[in-house]
Amino acid sequence: MSRVATRLVAVLVPVALLTPAAARAEKVVTEDAVGDAVTLVDEAVDLGEAVPAPDHEATDVIRTAVAHGAKRLRVGVAFRALERDPFQFIVIRVRTPQGNYELLVERLGGKPITSIDRGPRTVDCEGLGAKVDLRADTVTASLPTSCLDAPRWVQIGVGAVSVSGQQANPELDAAYADDAHRDGAIRDTIATGPKVRRG
């Protein structure tokens, strides 16, 4: 090995060893039961009496992956089969030591629309966004941790609600829903997963 190559290796190896530690984020993956989506027939139906809809794949969350880094929080939600022409809302509940946030991803065709609220107040969060991967059937939301006051830990809950492709039909009054941390049950509050500490 030449002297130049030796010097280059001596410089790059310490940098390579430091980079993963600096960029590392704690990642936690939780699984949800397959086929546990439910139908909400109309607004009068008690959430506890929702009707099972095991064949509705587009709303059926099967996995949630949370990566909590020093500067960004990423939440990946995997579904059985996403619709290409959706009418879908994904609500991500973010619980932190400082309080709770609600991140909304709206899929109404085209690029997903994102927003984040803390109670009744909308949080101005530059860098908030979401991506949809139809091949992998995933929706990934990402935001700077500074928008959440840089918490030491987060707990994430995911709820998905959608209307089938027939939403233009005025006689259709049904929606489908799934809570990523409850098997076949829907409640007023989205259940959260384990604490994910900042990497």
Protein backbone atom coordinates (compact mmCIF):
# COMPACT_ATOMS: atom_id res chain seq x y z
CA MET A 1 0.00 0.00 0.00
CA SER A 2 1.38 3.43 -0.94
CA ARG A 3 2.05 6.13 1.66
CA VAL A 4 -0.81 8.24 0.24
CA ALA A 5 -3.26 5.32 0.52
CA THR A 6 -2.07 4.57 4.06
CA ARG A 7 -2.61 8.20 5.11
CA LEU A 8 -6.05 8.24 3.45
CA VAL A 9 -7.10 5.07 5.32
CA ALA A 10 -5.77 6.54 8.58
CA VAL A 11 -7.97 9.62 8.06
CA LEU A 12 -11.12 7.89 6.76
CA VAL A 13 -11.36 4.94 9.17
CA PRO A 14 -11.94 7.07 12.30
CA VAL A 15 -14.52 9.14 10.38
CA ALA A 16 -16.28 5.97 9.22
CA LEU A 17 -16.36 4.65 12.77
CA LEU A 18 -17.83 7.89 14.12
CA THR A 19 -20.50 8.40 11.44
CA PRO A 20 -22.85 5.53 12.38
CA ALA A 21 -22.84 6.60 16.03
CA ALA A 22 -23.64 10.19 15.11
CA ALA A 23 -26.43 9.21 12.74
CA ARG A 24 -27.83 6.32 14.81
CA ALA A 25 -31.47 6.40 15.83
CA GLU A 26 -33.23 4.02 18.16
CA LYS A 27 -35.63 2.00 16.03
CA VAL A 28 -38.61 0.02 17.31
CA VAL A 29 -40.86 -2.12 15.11
CA THR A 30 -44.28 -3.29 16.28
CA GLU A 31 -46.54 -5.76 14.51
CA ASP A 32 -50.32 -5.57 14.21
CA ALA A 33 -52.67 -8.47 13.56
CA VAL A 34 -53.44 -9.11 9.89
CA GLY A 35 -57.12 -8.81 8.97
CA ASP A 36 -58.23 -6.76 11.98
CA ALA A 37 -59.66 -3.73 10.14
CA VAL A 38 -63.26 -2.89 10.98
CA THR A 39 -66.22 -1.18 9.32
CA LEU A 40 -67.89 1.81 10.93
CA VAL A 41 -71.35 1.65 9.39
CA ASP A 42 -72.43 5.15 10.39
CA GLU A 43 -71.67 7.77 13.01
CA ALA A 44 -74.34 6.37 15.30
CA VAL A 45 -72.51 3.06 15.74
CA ASP A 46 -70.66 2.71 19.03
CA LEU A 47 -66.94 2.38 18.32
CA GLY A 48 -66.87 -0.70 20.51
CA GLU A 49 -69.43 -2.38 18.24
CA ALA A 50 -67.55 -1.94 14.96
CA VAL A 51 -68.05 -4.77 12.46
CA PRO A 52 -64.95 -6.81 11.46
CA ALA A 53 -63.78 -6.21 7.87
CA PRO A 54 -60.96 -8.75 7.41
CA ASP A 55 -61.01 -8.47 3.61
CA HIS A 56 -60.39 -4.71 3.55
CA GLU A 57 -56.64 -4.58 2.91
CA ALA A 58 -56.15 -0.86 2.23
CA THR A 59 -56.77 0.17 5.86
CA ASP A 60 -55.24 -2.87 7.53
CA VAL A 61 -52.04 -1.78 9.29
CA ILE A 62 -49.65 -4.69 9.71
CA ARG A 63 -46.47 -3.02 10.98
CA THR A 64 -45.21 0.27 12.44
CA ALA A 65 -41.52 1.23 12.46
CA VAL A 66 -40.36 4.19 14.56
CA ALA A 67 -36.85 5.66 14.17
CA HIS A 68 -36.12 8.35 16.76
CA GLY A 69 -32.89 10.12 15.92
CA ALA A 70 -31.22 13.16 17.44
CA LYS A 71 -32.66 15.41 14.73
CA ARG A 72 -35.49 13.53 12.99
CA LEU A 73 -38.37 11.28 13.85
CA ARG A 74 -39.55 8.83 11.19
CA VAL A 75 -42.67 6.71 11.41
CA GLY A 76 -43.21 4.05 8.75
CA VAL A 77 -46.62 2.42 8.51
CA ALA A 78 -47.00 -0.78 6.46
CA PHE A 79 -50.40 -1.84 5.13
CA ARG A 80 -51.57 -5.08 3.53
CA ALA A 81 -52.29 -3.33 0.20
CA LEU A 82 -52.55 0.43 -0.31
CA GLU A 83 -55.07 1.79 -2.78
CA ARG A 84 -53.76 3.80 -5.72
CA ASP A 85 -56.75 6.16 -5.74
CA PRO A 86 -57.35 6.57 -2.02
CA PHE A 87 -59.57 8.52 0.31
CA GLN A 88 -57.50 7.79 3.41
CA PHE A 89 -56.42 9.51 6.61
CA ILE A 90 -53.57 8.28 8.79
CA VAL A 91 -53.42 9.76 12.28
CA ILE A 92 -50.11 9.39 14.11
CA ARG A 93 -50.33 10.08 17.83
CA VAL A 94 -47.00 11.22 19.27
CA ARG A 95 -46.74 11.09 23.05
CA THR A 96 -43.71 12.87 24.59
CA PRO A 97 -42.64 13.94 28.11
CA GLN A 98 -43.70 17.49 27.15
CA GLY A 99 -47.17 16.55 25.88
CA ASN A 100 -49.07 14.94 23.01
CA TYR A 101 -49.08 15.74 19.30
CA GLU A 102 -51.26 14.53 16.46
CA LEU A 103 -49.70 14.18 13.04
CA LEU A 104 -52.15 13.80 10.16
CA VAL A 105 -51.33 12.37 6.74
CA GLU A 106 -54.11 12.83 4.18
CA ARG A 107 -54.08 10.68 1.04
CA LEU A 108 -56.64 12.12 -1.33
CA GLY A 109 -54.79 11.43 -4.57
CA GLY A 110 -51.49 12.96 -5.58
CA LYS A 111 -48.91 13.98 -3.00
CA PRO A 112 -49.90 13.32 0.62
CA ILE A 113 -50.82 16.35 2.74
CA THR A 114 -49.34 16.56 6.24
CA SER A 115 -50.07 18.66 9.31
CA ILE A 116 -49.31 18.46 13.03
CA ASP A 117 -51.32 19.73 15.99
CA ARG A 118 -50.67 20.06 19.70
CA GLY A 119 -54.11 20.17 21.27
CA PRO A 120 -56.16 22.82 19.45
CA ARG A 121 -53.05 24.55 18.09
CA THR A 122 -51.45 23.76 14.73
CA VAL A 123 -47.66 23.49 15.00
CA ASP A 124 -45.58 25.27 12.38
CA CYS A 125 -43.11 22.55 11.39
CA GLU A 126 -40.79 23.16 8.47
CA GLY A 127 -39.47 19.84 7.22
CA LEU A 128 -42.62 17.85 8.00
CA GLY A 129 -43.54 15.51 5.15
CA ALA A 130 -44.72 12.09 4.10
CA LYS A 131 -43.96 9.63 1.32
CA VAL A 132 -46.08 6.85 -0.11
CA ASP A 133 -44.50 3.71 -1.57
CA LEU A 134 -47.21 1.75 -3.40
CA ARG A 135 -44.82 -1.10 -4.22
CA ALA A 136 -43.98 -1.65 -0.56
CA ASP A 137 -47.48 -0.62 0.65
CA THR A 138 -45.99 1.85 3.13
CA VAL A 139 -46.58 5.43 4.20
CA THR A 140 -43.65 7.12 5.96
CA ALA A 141 -43.97 10.40 7.85
CA SER A 142 -40.89 12.34 8.90
CA LEU A 143 -40.29 15.53 10.85
CA PRO A 144 -37.54 17.35 12.74
CA THR A 145 -37.53 16.51 16.45
CA SER A 146 -37.30 20.26 17.11
CA CYS A 147 -41.00 20.47 16.14
CA LEU A 148 -41.67 18.26 19.18
CA ASP A 149 -39.35 20.19 21.54
CA ALA A 150 -36.63 17.53 21.04
CA PRO A 151 -38.08 14.93 23.43
CA ARG A 152 -35.97 12.29 25.21
CA TRP A 153 -38.49 9.64 24.16
CA VAL A 154 -41.66 9.22 22.14
CA GLN A 155 -44.51 6.75 22.10
CA ILE A 156 -46.26 6.36 18.76
CA GLY A 157 -49.80 5.31 17.98
CA VAL A 158 -51.26 4.93 14.49
CA GLY A 159 -54.87 4.97 13.39
CA ALA A 160 -55.95 4.60 9.76
CA VAL A 161 -59.36 5.48 8.36
CA SER A 162 -60.48 5.19 4.76
CA VAL A 163 -63.52 5.08 2.53
CA SER A 164 -63.61 2.60 -0.33
CA GLY A 165 -63.26 3.67 -3.96
CA GLN A 166 -67.03 4.20 -4.08
CA GLN A 167 -66.91 7.32 -1.89
CA ALA A 168 -68.64 9.29 -4.67
CA ASN A 169 -71.78 7.20 -4.08
CA PRO A 170 -74.07 9.36 -1.90
CA GLU A 171 -75.76 6.27 -0.48
CA LEU A 172 -72.49 4.88 0.88
CA ASP A 173 -72.19 5.76 4.55
CA ALA A 174 -69.43 3.47 5.73
CA ALA A 175 -65.76 3.83 6.57
CA TYR A 176 -63.00 1.38 7.45
CA ALA A 177 -60.57 1.79 10.34
CA ASP A 178 -57.66 0.11 12.08
CA ASP A 179 -55.68 0.90 15.22
CA ALA A 180 -52.10 -0.31 14.85
CA HIS A 181 -51.83 -1.28 18.52
CA ARG A 182 -55.24 -2.89 19.06
CA ASP A 183 -56.45 -6.12 17.48
CA GLY A 184 -59.82 -5.48 15.86
CA ALA A 185 -60.88 -2.73 18.26
CA ILE A 186 -61.39 1.01 17.78
CA ARG A 187 -61.59 3.45 20.69
CA ASP A 188 -61.81 7.24 21.08
CA THR A 189 -58.06 7.39 21.77
CA ILE A 190 -55.42 5.75 19.59
CA ALA A 191 -53.30 3.23 21.53
CA THR A 192 -49.55 3.88 21.66
CA GLY A 193 -46.62 1.51 21.41
CA PRO A 194 -43.50 1.28 23.60
CA LYS A 195 -41.22 4.20 24.40
CA VAL A 196 -38.59 4.89 21.74
CA ARG A 197 -35.65 6.83 23.17
CA ARG A 198 -33.73 9.39 21.18
CA GLY A 199 -30.69 7.93 19.44
